[in-house]
Amino acid sequence: MRVLMLQLNSRHDKAANIKTINDMVDEAMKTDRPDLILAPEYATYLGGTTKEQWAAGETFPDGEGYQAMQDIARRHGVPFHVGSMIETDGDAHYNTSVVFDKDGTEIAKYRKIHLFDVETPGGHVFRESDVIDRGSEVVDYQLGENRIGCTICYDMRFSELYLQHMRAGCNIIVVPAAFNLETGKDHWEPLLRARAIETQSFVIAPGQIGFHLEEAGERPCYGNSMIINPWGTVIARAQSKPGTMIADLDMDYQQQVRTILPSNNHHVL
């Protein structure tokens, strides 16, 4: 299975972000033909004040970002896992992944369950719940012979979600992120590798990189978008700038790992 992963520096300009995503995908598709395209968390809009983020929220399927991402999948004839967009539903706002099939049909929608409400060791306070409402449903979807689990960023700290995906038969788990630089340098890779090892799944983690504006000022995302195989080995890593990356997932190797070390069958709790 071949995947195209985008690493973005999205900011609080939806039109500019949409153009960047279109340009990246159009350029990559000139030379390759992936089976799945993946973008990071908050792909179409990242940062700004609370009011600006709410104003950037969209009702699905009518929103500008939704329709633009849907058009990418339809135009190129390739499924597109959009890491997340801000979804408005009545008075609520969700951090929502949307997956489009190759004809633009929505085949999955996941609202982020675990919200990033922390104070980092450096004293930076993050309160995602001040802007975003919490989702409640675990979501996965079928793509060909593969079952793909949906998670977003901070979800990666909660192994019980990943074990649910494993028990549902997922062999790929996607972790789009806008991971904080301060915690990312210590926790990003170890957590992702642990999630791959414990589920014996491919973990695909497209991330945001660079600065975006928040009410407290400019803050950086860690980047380091990566793909990890079921043995826990990083098989692809993005450069330290926005761009695209193509990688092949060896599903036969995954079956070999699950055969020689069948830990997925040994859970007793």
Foldseek 3Di string as FASTA:
>chain_A
DKEKEWAAAAAADQVVLLVVVLVQLVVVVVPDDGQEYEYFFQSRYDADELVSLVVQAEAPPPDPSNVSQLVSLQVNLHKYWYRFHWHDDPPATFGKIWIAGSNSHTFWIDTAADADADQDPVGDGDDRVVRHDHDDDWDWGDRPPAIEGEHEAVCLVPLVSLLVSLVVPGQEYEYHYQAFQRCCVPPVLVSQLVSLQQSLHKYWYHYYAQWYAYPVGIGTGNAQGFIAGSNSHTPDTDDRHTHMDMDDHDVVVSVVVCVVPVVSVVDDD
